[in-house]
């Protein structure tokens, strides 16, 4: 059994932004373009996710599950359009949730699970 590897540790928040365990990578709190439209924020969150995965040798092609959080769940079409453009290797399973964000102006955030490719 492999070790659990934690990245992006923020002691103040008692938080690890990326955790690798059992061949899976769990990425939390992906946001970007927080002052933009929902569409811009979806693309910003995907940019953030992609950069974080790239830093550990992975890509969006490895993503198998996304939890999408919206200020207004009726803005799901903005996410669907972005996913059509960004997930060219196949779509991940997903769940969409409406929530109230603590950060003013935040319209979209995502958490993701990726599978590390087998050698």
PDB file of N, CA and C in Angstrom:
ATOM      1  N   UNK A   1       0.840  -1.190   0.000  1.00  0.00           N
ATOM      2  CA  UNK A   1       0.000   0.000   0.000  1.00  0.00           C
ATOM      3  C   UNK A   1       0.877   1.242   0.000  1.00  0.00           C
ATOM      4  N   UNK A   2       0.544   2.206  -0.847  1.00  0.00           N
ATOM      5  CA  UNK A   2       1.356   3.409  -0.963  1.00  0.00           C
ATOM      6  C   UNK A   2       1.036   4.407   0.146  1.00  0.00           C
ATOM      7  N   UNK A   3       1.964   5.316   0.323  1.00  0.00           N
ATOM      8  CA  UNK A   3       1.787   6.360   1.327  1.00  0.00           C
ATOM      9  C   UNK A   3       0.777   7.394   0.863  1.00  0.00           C
ATOM     10  N   UNK A   4       0.268   8.139   1.818  1.00  0.00           N
ATOM     11  CA  UNK A   4      -0.555   9.297   1.516  1.00  0.00           C
ATOM     12  C   UNK A   4       0.393  10.488   1.416  1.00  0.00           C
ATOM     13  N   UNK A   5       0.287  11.224   0.314  1.00  0.00           N
ATOM     14  CA  UNK A   5       1.158  12.373   0.085  1.00  0.00           C
ATOM     15  C   UNK A   5       0.289  13.623   0.063  1.00  0.00           C
ATOM     16  N   UNK A   6       0.665  14.596   0.887  1.00  0.00           N
ATOM     17  CA  UNK A   6      -0.095  15.840   0.979  1.00  0.00           C
ATOM     18  C   UNK A   6       0.718  16.991   0.394  1.00  0.00           C
ATOM     19  N   UNK A   7       0.077  17.811  -0.435  1.00  0.00           N
ATOM     20  CA  UNK A   7       0.692  18.982  -1.052  1.00  0.00           C
ATOM     21  C   UNK A   7      -0.108  20.220  -0.644  1.00  0.00           C
ATOM     22  N   UNK A   8       0.504  21.384  -0.824  1.00  0.00           N
ATOM     23  CA  UNK A   8      -0.166  22.660  -0.581  1.00  0.00           C
ATOM     24  C   UNK A   8      -0.739  22.749   0.830  1.00  0.00           C
ATOM     25  N   UNK A   9       0.054  22.421   1.802  1.00  0.00           N
ATOM     26  CA  UNK A   9      -0.398  22.443   3.188  1.00  0.00           C
ATOM     27  C   UNK A   9      -0.426  23.886   3.691  1.00  0.00           C
ATOM     28  N   UNK A  10      -1.561  24.275   4.257  1.00  0.00           N
ATOM     29  CA  UNK A  10      -1.722  25.593   4.868  1.00  0.00           C
ATOM     30  C   UNK A  10      -2.077  25.361   6.335  1.00  0.00           C
ATOM     31  N   UNK A  11      -1.097  25.504   7.190  1.00  0.00           N
ATOM     32  CA  UNK A  11      -1.291  25.234   8.621  1.00  0.00           C
ATOM     33  C   UNK A  11      -2.395  26.099   9.221  1.00  0.00           C
ATOM     34  N   UNK A  12      -2.432  27.363   8.837  1.00  0.00           N
ATOM     35  CA  UNK A  12      -3.420  28.297   9.387  1.00  0.00           C
ATOM     36  C   UNK A  12      -4.852  27.796   9.172  1.00  0.00           C
ATOM     37  N   UNK A  13      -5.098  27.152   8.024  1.00  0.00           N
ATOM     38  CA  UNK A  13      -6.425  26.646   7.704  1.00  0.00           C
ATOM     39  C   UNK A  13      -6.625  25.182   8.102  1.00  0.00           C
ATOM     40  N   UNK A  14      -5.549  24.516   8.603  1.00  0.00           N
ATOM     41  CA  UNK A  14      -5.588  23.070   8.859  1.00  0.00           C
ATOM     42  C   UNK A  14      -6.050  22.357   7.584  1.00  0.00           C
ATOM     43  N   UNK A  15      -5.309  22.607   6.483  1.00  0.00           N
ATOM     44  CA  UNK A  15      -5.783  22.258   5.146  1.00  0.00           C
ATOM     45  C   UNK A  15      -4.638  21.755   4.275  1.00  0.00           C
ATOM     46  N   UNK A  16      -4.917  20.706   3.499  1.00  0.00           N
ATOM     47  CA  UNK A  16      -4.027  20.270   2.414  1.00  0.00           C
ATOM     48  C   UNK A  16      -4.809  20.429   1.128  1.00  0.00           C
ATOM     49  N   UNK A  17      -4.293  21.209   0.196  1.00  0.00           N
ATOM     50  CA  UNK A  17      -5.010  21.501  -1.044  1.00  0.00           C
ATOM     51  C   UNK A  17      -5.053  20.351  -2.017  1.00  0.00           C
ATOM     52  N   UNK A  18      -4.034  19.485  -1.958  1.00  0.00           N
ATOM     53  CA  UNK A  18      -3.953  18.328  -2.849  1.00  0.00           C
ATOM     54  C   UNK A  18      -3.481  17.139  -2.017  1.00  0.00           C
ATOM     55  N   UNK A  19      -4.198  16.027  -2.118  1.00  0.00           N
ATOM     56  CA  UNK A  19      -3.833  14.819  -1.385  1.00  0.00           C
ATOM     57  C   UNK A  19      -3.830  13.645  -2.346  1.00  0.00           C
ATOM     58  N   UNK A  20      -2.721  12.895  -2.365  1.00  0.00           N
ATOM     59  CA  UNK A  20      -2.604  11.688  -3.179  1.00  0.00           C
ATOM     60  C   UNK A  20      -2.763  10.472  -2.276  1.00  0.00           C
ATOM     61  N   UNK A  21      -3.645   9.549  -2.668  1.00  0.00           N
ATOM     62  CA  UNK A  21      -3.868   8.337  -1.876  1.00  0.00           C
ATOM     63  C   UNK A  21      -4.438   7.243  -2.770  1.00  0.00           C
ATOM     64  N   UNK A  22      -3.854   6.067  -2.711  1.00  0.00           N
ATOM     65  CA  UNK A  22      -4.395   4.912  -3.422  1.00  0.00           C
ATOM     66  C   UNK A  22      -4.529   5.096  -4.922  1.00  0.00           C
ATOM     67  N   UNK A  23      -3.632   5.837  -5.540  1.00  0.00           N
ATOM     68  CA  UNK A  23      -3.688   6.048  -6.981  1.00  0.00           C
ATOM     69  C   UNK A  23      -4.598   7.194  -7.407  1.00  0.00           C
ATOM     70  N   UNK A  24      -5.242   7.838  -6.431  1.00  0.00           N
ATOM     71  CA  UNK A  24      -6.117   8.969  -6.724  1.00  0.00           C
ATOM     72  C   UNK A  24      -5.529  10.239  -6.154  1.00  0.00           C
ATOM     73  N   UNK A  25      -5.898  11.358  -6.777  1.00  0.00           N
ATOM     74  CA  UNK A  25      -5.454  12.673  -6.330  1.00  0.00           C
ATOM     75  C   UNK A  25      -6.702  13.513  -6.091  1.00  0.00           C
ATOM     76  N   UNK A  26      -6.813  14.048  -4.887  1.00  0.00           N
ATOM     77  CA  UNK A  26      -7.960  14.847  -4.478  1.00  0.00           C
ATOM     78  C   UNK A  26      -7.515  16.308  -4.442  1.00  0.00           C
ATOM     79  N   UNK A  27      -8.186  17.147  -5.217  1.00  0.00           N
ATOM     80  CA  UNK A  27      -7.804  18.558  -5.328  1.00  0.00           C
ATOM     81  C   UNK A  27      -8.982  19.404  -4.858  1.00  0.00           C
ATOM     82  N   UNK A  28      -8.730  20.265  -3.890  1.00  0.00           N
ATOM     83  CA  UNK A  28      -9.823  21.068  -3.351  1.00  0.00           C
ATOM     84  C   UNK A  28      -9.638  22.548  -3.652  1.00  0.00           C
ATOM     85  N   UNK A  29     -10.749  23.249  -3.568  1.00  0.00           N
ATOM     86  CA  UNK A  29     -10.779  24.700  -3.613  1.00  0.00           C
ATOM     87  C   UNK A  29     -10.124  25.277  -4.852  1.00  0.00           C
ATOM     88  N   UNK A  30     -10.608  24.900  -6.024  1.00  0.00           N
ATOM     89  CA  UNK A  30     -10.107  25.456  -7.287  1.00  0.00           C
ATOM     90  C   UNK A  30     -10.973  26.651  -7.660  1.00  0.00           C
ATOM     91  N   UNK A  31     -10.362  27.817  -7.715  1.00  0.00           N
ATOM     92  CA  UNK A  31     -11.058  29.045  -8.085  1.00  0.00           C
ATOM     93  C   UNK A  31     -10.154  29.865  -9.004  1.00  0.00           C
ATOM     94  N   UNK A  32     -10.758  30.793  -9.708  1.00  0.00           N
ATOM     95  CA  UNK A  32      -9.999  31.707 -10.548  1.00  0.00           C
ATOM     96  C   UNK A  32     -10.915  32.751 -11.150  1.00  0.00           C
ATOM     97  N   UNK A  33     -10.344  33.885 -11.536  1.00  0.00           N
ATOM     98  CA  UNK A  33     -11.120  34.996 -12.116  1.00  0.00           C
ATOM     99  C   UNK A  33     -12.294  35.374 -11.220  1.00  0.00           C
ATOM    100  N   UNK A  34     -12.033  35.522  -9.942  1.00  0.00           N
ATOM    101  CA  UNK A  34     -13.111  35.689  -8.957  1.00  0.00           C
ATOM    102  C   UNK A  34     -13.923  36.965  -9.112  1.00  0.00           C
ATOM    103  N   UNK A  35     -13.477  37.880  -9.929  1.00  0.00           N
ATOM    104  CA  UNK A  35     -14.258  39.094 -10.174  1.00  0.00           C
ATOM    105  C   UNK A  35     -15.014  39.020 -11.498  1.00  0.00           C
ATOM    106  N   UNK A  36     -14.847  37.907 -12.240  1.00  0.00           N
ATOM    107  CA  UNK A  36     -15.450  37.778 -13.564  1.00  0.00           C
ATOM    108  C   UNK A  36     -16.837  37.184 -13.545  1.00  0.00           C
ATOM    109  N   UNK A  37     -17.346  36.953 -14.743  1.00  0.00           N
ATOM    110  CA  UNK A  37     -18.640  36.292 -14.920  1.00  0.00           C
ATOM    111  C   UNK A  37     -18.520  34.831 -14.465  1.00  0.00           C
ATOM    112  N   UNK A  38     -19.641  34.155 -14.375  1.00  0.00           N
ATOM    113  CA  UNK A  38     -19.592  32.739 -14.018  1.00  0.00           C
ATOM    114  C   UNK A  38     -18.755  31.962 -15.027  1.00  0.00           C
ATOM    115  N   UNK A  39     -18.941  32.229 -16.305  1.00  0.00           N
ATOM    116  CA  UNK A  39     -18.145  31.545 -17.331  1.00  0.00           C
ATOM    117  C   UNK A  39     -16.656  31.782 -17.125  1.00  0.00           C
ATOM    118  N   UNK A  40     -16.271  33.016 -16.878  1.00  0.00           N
ATOM    119  CA  UNK A  40     -14.858  33.328 -16.629  1.00  0.00           C
ATOM    120  C   UNK A  40     -14.344  32.642 -15.368  1.00  0.00           C
ATOM    121  N   UNK A  41     -15.204  32.548 -14.359  1.00  0.00           N
ATOM    122  CA  UNK A  41     -14.797  31.870 -13.129  1.00  0.00           C
ATOM    123  C   UNK A  41     -14.660  30.365 -13.324  1.00  0.00           C
ATOM    124  N   UNK A  42     -15.520  29.768 -14.134  1.00  0.00           N
ATOM    125  CA  UNK A  42     -15.388  28.335 -14.438  1.00  0.00           C
ATOM    126  C   UNK A  42     -14.055  28.086 -15.138  1.00  0.00           C
ATOM    127  N   UNK A  43     -13.754  28.879 -16.161  1.00  0.00           N
ATOM    128  CA  UNK A  43     -12.471  28.717 -16.860  1.00  0.00           C
ATOM    129  C   UNK A  43     -11.300  28.993 -15.909  1.00  0.00           C
ATOM    130  N   UNK A  44     -11.442  29.969 -15.034  1.00  0.00           N
ATOM    131  CA  UNK A  44     -10.392  30.254 -14.060  1.00  0.00           C
ATOM    132  C   UNK A  44     -10.172  29.093 -13.098  1.00  0.00           C
ATOM    133  N   UNK A  45     -11.263  28.472 -12.645  1.00  0.00           N
ATOM    134  CA  UNK A  45     -11.146  27.311 -11.761  1.00  0.00           C
ATOM    135  C   UNK A  45     -10.482  26.145 -12.483  1.00  0.00           C
ATOM    136  N   UNK A  46     -10.828  25.955 -13.752  1.00  0.00           N
ATOM    137  CA  UNK A  46     -10.199  24.894 -14.539  1.00  0.00           C
ATOM    138  C   UNK A  46      -8.722  25.195 -14.793  1.00  0.00           C
ATOM    139  N   UNK A  47      -8.385  26.468 -15.007  1.00  0.00           N
ATOM    140  CA  UNK A  47      -6.969  26.855 -15.126  1.00  0.00           C
ATOM    141  C   UNK A  47      -6.223  26.505 -13.848  1.00  0.00           C
ATOM    142  N   UNK A  48      -6.846  26.818 -12.706  1.00  0.00           N
ATOM    143  CA  UNK A  48      -6.241  26.537 -11.405  1.00  0.00           C
ATOM    144  C   UNK A  48      -6.057  25.039 -11.208  1.00  0.00           C
ATOM    145  N   UNK A  49      -7.089  24.259 -11.510  1.00  0.00           N
ATOM    146  CA  UNK A  49      -7.009  22.802 -11.406  1.00  0.00           C
ATOM    147  C   UNK A  49      -5.909  22.259 -12.306  1.00  0.00           C
ATOM    148  N   UNK A  50      -5.885  22.717 -13.552  1.00  0.00           N
ATOM    149  CA  UNK A  50      -4.896  22.228 -14.512  1.00  0.00           C
ATOM    150  C   UNK A  50      -3.472  22.535 -14.053  1.00  0.00           C
ATOM    151  N   UNK A  51      -3.241  23.725 -13.549  1.00  0.00           N
ATOM    152  CA  UNK A  51      -1.907  24.099 -13.073  1.00  0.00           C
ATOM    153  C   UNK A  51      -1.484  23.244 -11.881  1.00  0.00           C
ATOM    154  N   UNK A  52      -2.400  22.990 -10.991  1.00  0.00           N
ATOM    155  CA  UNK A  52      -2.083  22.195  -9.805  1.00  0.00           C
ATOM    156  C   UNK A  52      -1.803  20.744 -10.184  1.00  0.00           C
ATOM    157  N   UNK A  53      -2.579  20.200 -11.123  1.00  0.00           N
ATOM    158  CA  UNK A  53      -2.322  18.843 -11.594  1.00  0.00           C
ATOM    159  C   UNK A  53      -0.995  18.767 -12.340  1.00  0.00           C
ATOM    160  N   UNK A  54      -0.730  19.755 -13.188  1.00  0.00           N
ATOM    161  CA  UNK A  54       0.525  19.786 -13.937  1.00  0.00           C
ATOM    162  C   UNK A  54       1.721  19.790 -12.994  1.00  0.00           C
ATOM    163  N   UNK A  55       1.593  20.465 -11.867  1.00  0.00           N
ATOM    164  CA  UNK A  55       2.712  20.546 -10.908  1.00  0.00           C
ATOM    165  C   UNK A  55       3.084  19.184 -10.326  1.00  0.00           C
ATOM    166  N   UNK A  56       2.182  18.206 -10.441  1.00  0.00           N
ATOM    167  CA  UNK A  56       2.493  16.854  -9.952  1.00  0.00           C
ATOM    168  C   UNK A  56       2.465  15.832 -11.094  1.00  0.00           C
ATOM    169  N   UNK A  57       2.652  16.321 -12.322  1.00  0.00           N
ATOM    170  CA  UNK A  57       2.786  15.434 -13.471  1.00  0.00           C
ATOM    171  C   UNK A  57       1.493  14.861 -14.014  1.00  0.00           C
ATOM    172  N   UNK A  58       0.390  15.575 -13.842  1.00  0.00           N
ATOM    173  CA  UNK A  58      -0.906  15.091 -14.320  1.00  0.00           C
ATOM    174  C   UNK A  58      -1.571  16.160 -15.180  1.00  0.00           C
ATOM    175  N   UNK A  59      -2.767  15.845 -15.704  1.00  0.00           N
ATOM    176  CA  UNK A  59      -3.476  16.799 -16.551  1.00  0.00           C
ATOM    177  C   UNK A  59      -4.987  16.651 -16.353  1.00  0.00           C
ATOM    178  N   UNK A  60      -5.735  17.511 -17.034  1.00  0.00           N
ATOM    179  CA  UNK A  60      -7.194  17.414 -16.978  1.00  0.00           C
ATOM    180  C   UNK A  60      -7.688  16.072 -17.504  1.00  0.00           C
ATOM    181  N   UNK A  61      -6.927  15.425 -18.370  1.00  0.00           N
ATOM    182  CA  UNK A  61      -7.314  14.116 -18.895  1.00  0.00           C
ATOM    183  C   UNK A  61      -7.407  13.069 -17.790  1.00  0.00           C
ATOM    184  N   UNK A  62      -6.769  13.315 -16.657  1.00  0.00           N
ATOM    185  CA  UNK A  62      -6.770  12.363 -15.548  1.00  0.00           C
ATOM    186  C   UNK A  62      -7.933  12.566 -14.581  1.00  0.00           C
ATOM    187  N   UNK A  63      -8.712  13.623 -14.769  1.00  0.00           N
ATOM    188  CA  UNK A  63      -9.814  13.944 -13.850  1.00  0.00           C
ATOM    189  C   UNK A  63     -10.981  12.983 -14.082  1.00  0.00           C
ATOM    190  N   UNK A  64     -11.453  12.366 -12.995  1.00  0.00           N
ATOM    191  CA  UNK A  64     -12.561  11.415 -13.093  1.00  0.00           C
ATOM    192  C   UNK A  64     -13.837  11.910 -12.413  1.00  0.00           C
ATOM    193  N   UNK A  65     -13.726  12.918 -11.537  1.00  0.00           N
ATOM    194  CA  UNK A  65     -14.904  13.395 -10.785  1.00  0.00           C
ATOM    195  C   UNK A  65     -14.719  14.860 -10.439  1.00  0.00           C
ATOM    196  N   UNK A  66     -15.778  15.637 -10.586  1.00  0.00           N
ATOM    197  CA  UNK A  66     -15.771  17.051 -10.217  1.00  0.00           C
ATOM    198  C   UNK A  66     -17.007  17.339  -9.378  1.00  0.00           C
ATOM    199  N   UNK A  67     -16.805  18.028  -8.264  1.00  0.00           N
ATOM    200  CA  UNK A  67     -17.900  18.611  -7.502  1.00  0.00           C
ATOM    201  C   UNK A  67     -17.879  20.098  -7.810  1.00  0.00           C
ATOM    202  N   UNK A  68     -18.938  20.598  -8.440  1.00  0.00           N
ATOM    203  CA  UNK A  68     -19.023  21.990  -8.868  1.00  0.00           C
ATOM    204  C   UNK A  68     -19.941  22.746  -7.913  1.00  0.00           C
ATOM    205  N   UNK A  69     -19.439  23.826  -7.356  1.00  0.00           N
ATOM    206  CA  UNK A  69     -20.211  24.638  -6.431  1.00  0.00           C
ATOM    207  C   UNK A  69     -20.552  25.970  -7.084  1.00  0.00           C
ATOM    208  N   UNK A  70     -21.812  26.330  -7.045  1.00  0.00           N
ATOM    209  CA  UNK A  70     -22.322  27.537  -7.689  1.00  0.00           C
ATOM    210  C   UNK A  70     -22.996  28.448  -6.672  1.00  0.00           C
ATOM    211  N   UNK A  71     -22.884  29.750  -6.887  1.00  0.00           N
ATOM    212  CA  UNK A  71     -23.711  30.699  -6.143  1.00  0.00           C
ATOM    213  C   UNK A  71     -25.156  30.595  -6.636  1.00  0.00           C
ATOM    214  N   UNK A  72     -25.320  30.306  -7.933  1.00  0.00           N
ATOM    215  CA  UNK A  72     -26.636  30.129  -8.552  1.00  0.00           C
ATOM    216  C   UNK A  72     -26.573  28.903  -9.463  1.00  0.00           C
ATOM    217  N   UNK A  73     -27.178  27.816  -9.039  1.00  0.00           N
ATOM    218  CA  UNK A  73     -27.087  26.551  -9.762  1.00  0.00           C
ATOM    219  C   UNK A  73     -27.697  26.637 -11.166  1.00  0.00           C
ATOM    220  N   UNK A  74     -28.505  27.650 -11.429  1.00  0.00           N
ATOM    221  CA  UNK A  74     -29.078  27.818 -12.759  1.00  0.00           C
ATOM    222  C   UNK A  74     -28.035  28.274 -13.771  1.00  0.00           C
ATOM    223  N   UNK A  75     -26.801  28.532 -13.309  1.00  0.00           N
ATOM    224  CA  UNK A  75     -25.718  28.902 -14.217  1.00  0.00           C
ATOM    225  C   UNK A  75     -24.907  27.688 -14.681  1.00  0.00           C
ATOM    226  N   UNK A  76     -25.445  26.498 -14.483  1.00  0.00           N
ATOM    227  CA  UNK A  76     -24.790  25.269 -14.925  1.00  0.00           C
ATOM    228  C   UNK A  76     -24.416  25.303 -16.411  1.00  0.00           C
ATOM    229  N   UNK A  77     -25.231  25.883 -17.304  1.00  0.00           N
ATOM    230  CA  UNK A  77     -24.826  25.903 -18.722  1.00  0.00           C
ATOM    231  C   UNK A  77     -23.457  26.546 -18.969  1.00  0.00           C
ATOM    232  N   UNK A  78     -23.047  27.509 -18.157  1.00  0.00           N
ATOM    233  CA  UNK A  78     -21.710  28.111 -18.307  1.00  0.00           C
ATOM    234  C   UNK A  78     -20.627  27.066 -18.048  1.00  0.00           C
ATOM    235  N   UNK A  79     -20.856  26.213 -17.066  1.00  0.00           N
ATOM    236  CA  UNK A  79     -19.904  25.141 -16.762  1.00  0.00           C
ATOM    237  C   UNK A  79     -19.907  24.098 -17.876  1.00  0.00           C
ATOM    238  N   UNK A  80     -21.085  23.729 -18.344  1.00  0.00           N
ATOM    239  CA  UNK A  80     -21.166  22.717 -19.397  1.00  0.00           C
ATOM    240  C   UNK A  80     -20.404  23.161 -20.647  1.00  0.00           C
ATOM    241  N   UNK A  81     -20.545  24.413 -21.015  1.00  0.00           N
ATOM    242  CA  UNK A  81     -19.838  24.923 -22.191  1.00  0.00           C
ATOM    243  C   UNK A  81     -18.325  24.868 -21.973  1.00  0.00           C
ATOM    244  N   UNK A  82     -17.867  25.275 -20.802  1.00  0.00           N
ATOM    245  CA  UNK A  82     -16.433  25.226 -20.500  1.00  0.00           C
ATOM    246  C   UNK A  82     -15.925  23.788 -20.496  1.00  0.00           C
ATOM    247  N   UNK A  83     -16.693  22.862 -19.942  1.00  0.00           N
ATOM    248  CA  UNK A  83     -16.275  21.457 -19.904  1.00  0.00           C
ATOM    249  C   UNK A  83     -16.153  20.890 -21.322  1.00  0.00           C
ATOM    250  N   UNK A  84     -17.056  21.287 -22.225  1.00  0.00           N
ATOM    251  CA  UNK A  84     -16.980  20.815 -23.612  1.00  0.00           C
ATOM    252  C   UNK A  84     -15.659  21.223 -24.255  1.00  0.00           C
ATOM    253  N   UNK A  85     -15.184  22.411 -23.922  1.00  0.00           N
ATOM    254  CA  UNK A  85     -13.948  22.938 -24.484  1.00  0.00           C
ATOM    255  C   UNK A  85     -12.718  22.359 -23.795  1.00  0.00           C
ATOM    256  N   UNK A  86     -12.770  22.198 -22.489  1.00  0.00           N
ATOM    257  CA  UNK A  86     -11.568  21.879 -21.721  1.00  0.00           C
ATOM    258  C   UNK A  86     -11.312  20.391 -21.512  1.00  0.00           C
ATOM    259  N   UNK A  87     -12.360  19.579 -21.428  1.00  0.00           N
ATOM    260  CA  UNK A  87     -12.178  18.147 -21.182  1.00  0.00           C
ATOM    261  C   UNK A  87     -12.228  17.394 -22.512  1.00  0.00           C
ATOM    262  N   UNK A  88     -11.171  17.547 -23.305  1.00  0.00           N
ATOM    263  CA  UNK A  88     -11.121  16.959 -24.646  1.00  0.00           C
ATOM    264  C   UNK A  88     -10.858  15.450 -24.633  1.00  0.00           C
ATOM    265  N   UNK A  89     -10.340  14.918 -23.527  1.00  0.00           N
ATOM    266  CA  UNK A  89     -10.053  13.480 -23.441  1.00  0.00           C
ATOM    267  C   UNK A  89     -11.231  12.691 -22.875  1.00  0.00           C
ATOM    268  N   UNK A  90     -12.313  13.374 -22.551  1.00  0.00           N
ATOM    269  CA  UNK A  90     -13.489  12.727 -21.968  1.00  0.00           C
ATOM    270  C   UNK A  90     -13.937  13.483 -20.733  1.00  0.00           C
ATOM    271  N   UNK A  91     -15.226  13.456 -20.497  1.00  0.00           N
ATOM    272  CA  UNK A  91     -15.800  14.215 -19.382  1.00  0.00           C
ATOM    273  C   UNK A  91     -15.692  13.444 -18.072  1.00  0.00           C
ATOM    274  N   UNK A  92     -15.482  14.166 -16.978  1.00  0.00           N
ATOM    275  CA  UNK A  92     -15.529  13.525 -15.664  1.00  0.00           C
ATOM    276  C   UNK A  92     -16.979  13.385 -15.196  1.00  0.00           C
ATOM    277  N   UNK A  93     -17.202  12.471 -14.268  1.00  0.00           N
ATOM    278  CA  UNK A  93     -18.483  12.457 -13.565  1.00  0.00           C
ATOM    279  C   UNK A  93     -18.551  13.766 -12.779  1.00  0.00           C
ATOM    280  N   UNK A  94     -19.753  14.247 -12.526  1.00  0.00           N
ATOM    281  CA  UNK A  94     -19.820  15.501 -11.784  1.00  0.00           C
ATOM    282  C   UNK A  94     -21.099  15.622 -10.979  1.00  0.00           C
ATOM    283  N   UNK A  95     -21.021  16.522 -10.017  1.00  0.00           N
ATOM    284  CA  UNK A  95     -22.163  16.872  -9.183  1.00  0.00           C
ATOM    285  C   UNK A  95     -22.155  18.385  -9.058  1.00  0.00           C
ATOM    286  N   UNK A  96     -23.317  19.014  -9.150  1.00  0.00           N
ATOM    287  CA  UNK A  96     -23.424  20.460  -9.008  1.00  0.00           C
ATOM    288  C   UNK A  96     -24.224  20.796  -7.752  1.00  0.00           C
ATOM    289  N   UNK A  97     -23.720  21.767  -7.011  1.00  0.00           N
ATOM    290  CA  UNK A  97     -24.303  22.144  -5.725  1.00  0.00           C
ATOM    291  C   UNK A  97     -24.417  23.656  -5.670  1.00  0.00           C
ATOM    292  N   UNK A  98     -25.529  24.152  -5.157  1.00  0.00           N
ATOM    293  CA  UNK A  98     -25.659  25.588  -4.913  1.00  0.00           C
ATOM    294  C   UNK A  98     -25.278  25.860  -3.468  1.00  0.00           C
ATOM    295  N   UNK A  99     -24.516  26.934  -3.261  1.00  0.00           N
ATOM    296  CA  UNK A  99     -24.040  27.265  -1.916  1.00  0.00           C
ATOM    297  C   UNK A  99     -23.915  28.780  -1.773  1.00  0.00           C
ATOM    298  N   UNK A 100     -23.675  29.212  -0.551  1.00  0.00           N
ATOM    299  CA  UNK A 100     -23.368  30.610  -0.275  1.00  0.00           C
ATOM    300  C   UNK A 100     -21.872  30.660   0.007  1.00  0.00           C
ATOM    301  N   UNK A 101     -21.145  31.458  -0.777  1.00  0.00           N
ATOM    302  CA  UNK A 101     -19.703  31.575  -0.611  1.00  0.00           C
ATOM    303  C   UNK A 101     -19.362  32.667   0.397  1.00  0.00           C
ATOM    304  N   UNK A 102     -18.306  32.458   1.153  1.00  0.00           N
ATOM    305  CA  UNK A 102     -17.833  33.466   2.100  1.00  0.00           C
ATOM    306  C   UNK A 102     -17.156  34.626   1.380  1.00  0.00           C
ATOM    307  N   UNK A 103     -16.581  34.367   0.211  1.00  0.00           N
ATOM    308  CA  UNK A 103     -15.860  35.378  -0.564  1.00  0.00           C
ATOM    309  C   UNK A 103     -16.844  36.133  -1.453  1.00  0.00           C
ATOM    310  N   UNK A 104     -16.978  37.438  -1.263  1.00  0.00           N
ATOM    311  CA  UNK A 104     -17.886  38.238  -2.074  1.00  0.00           C
ATOM    312  C   UNK A 104     -17.465  38.214  -3.541  1.00  0.00           C
ATOM    313  N   UNK A 105     -18.399  38.025  -4.424  1.00  0.00           N
ATOM    314  CA  UNK A 105     -18.123  37.978  -5.854  1.00  0.00           C
ATOM    315  C   UNK A 105     -17.848  36.587  -6.392  1.00  0.00           C
ATOM    316  N   UNK A 106     -17.602  35.626  -5.511  1.00  0.00           N
ATOM    317  CA  UNK A 106     -17.333  34.264  -5.969  1.00  0.00           C
ATOM    318  C   UNK A 106     -18.629  33.637  -6.453  1.00  0.00           C
ATOM    319  N   UNK A 107     -18.613  33.127  -7.688  1.00  0.00           N
ATOM    320  CA  UNK A 107     -19.780  32.510  -8.309  1.00  0.00           C
ATOM    321  C   UNK A 107     -19.599  31.015  -8.531  1.00  0.00           C
ATOM    322  N   UNK A 108     -18.320  30.551  -8.565  1.00  0.00           N
ATOM    323  CA  UNK A 108     -18.046  29.156  -8.915  1.00  0.00           C
ATOM    324  C   UNK A 108     -16.746  28.693  -8.263  1.00  0.00           C
ATOM    325  N   UNK A 109     -16.769  27.457  -7.826  1.00  0.00           N
ATOM    326  CA  UNK A 109     -15.586  26.779  -7.270  1.00  0.00           C
ATOM    327  C   UNK A 109     -15.735  25.307  -7.587  1.00  0.00           C
ATOM    328  N   UNK A 110     -14.607  24.601  -7.710  1.00  0.00           N
ATOM    329  CA  UNK A 110     -14.716  23.160  -7.904  1.00  0.00           C
ATOM    330  C   UNK A 110     -13.683  22.406  -7.071  1.00  0.00           C
ATOM    331  N   UNK A 111     -14.030  21.191  -6.765  1.00  0.00           N
ATOM    332  CA  UNK A 111     -13.135  20.199  -6.178  1.00  0.00           C
ATOM    333  C   UNK A 111     -13.084  19.059  -7.180  1.00  0.00           C
ATOM    334  N   UNK A 112     -11.954  18.368  -7.263  1.00  0.00           N
ATOM    335  CA  UNK A 112     -11.819  17.315  -8.268  1.00  0.00           C
ATOM    336  C   UNK A 112     -11.082  16.103  -7.718  1.00  0.00           C
ATOM    337  N   UNK A 113     -11.354  14.979  -8.333  1.00  0.00           N
ATOM    338  CA  UNK A 113     -10.622  13.745  -8.077  1.00  0.00           C
ATOM    339  C   UNK A 113     -10.030  13.319  -9.405  1.00  0.00           C
ATOM    340  N   UNK A 114      -8.744  13.047  -9.402  1.00  0.00           N
ATOM    341  CA  UNK A 114      -8.050  12.565 -10.594  1.00  0.00           C
ATOM    342  C   UNK A 114      -7.423  11.207 -10.277  1.00  0.00           C
ATOM    343  N   UNK A 115      -7.226  10.422 -11.304  1.00  0.00           N
ATOM    344  CA  UNK A 115      -6.587   9.111 -11.160  1.00  0.00           C
ATOM    345  C   UNK A 115      -5.216   9.188 -11.782  1.00  0.00           C
ATOM    346  N   UNK A 116      -4.218   8.837 -10.985  1.00  0.00           N
ATOM    347  CA  UNK A 116      -2.853   8.858 -11.490  1.00  0.00           C
ATOM    348  C   UNK A 116      -2.686   7.711 -12.490  1.00  0.00           C
ATOM    349  N   UNK A 117      -2.200   8.018 -13.702  1.00  0.00           N
ATOM    350  CA  UNK A 117      -2.007   6.971 -14.711  1.00  0.00           C
ATOM    351  C   UNK A 117      -1.119   5.853 -14.196  1.00  0.00           C
ATOM    352  N   UNK A 118      -1.463   4.636 -14.552  1.00  0.00           N
ATOM    353  CA  UNK A 118      -0.666   3.467 -14.151  1.00  0.00           C
ATOM    354  C   UNK A 118       0.519   3.320 -15.084  1.00  0.00           C
ATOM    355  N   UNK A 119       1.653   2.938 -14.524  1.00  0.00           N
ATOM    356  CA  UNK A 119       2.862   2.720 -15.332  1.00  0.00           C
ATOM    357  C   UNK A 119       2.764   1.447 -16.139  1.00  0.00           C
TER     358      UNK A 119
END
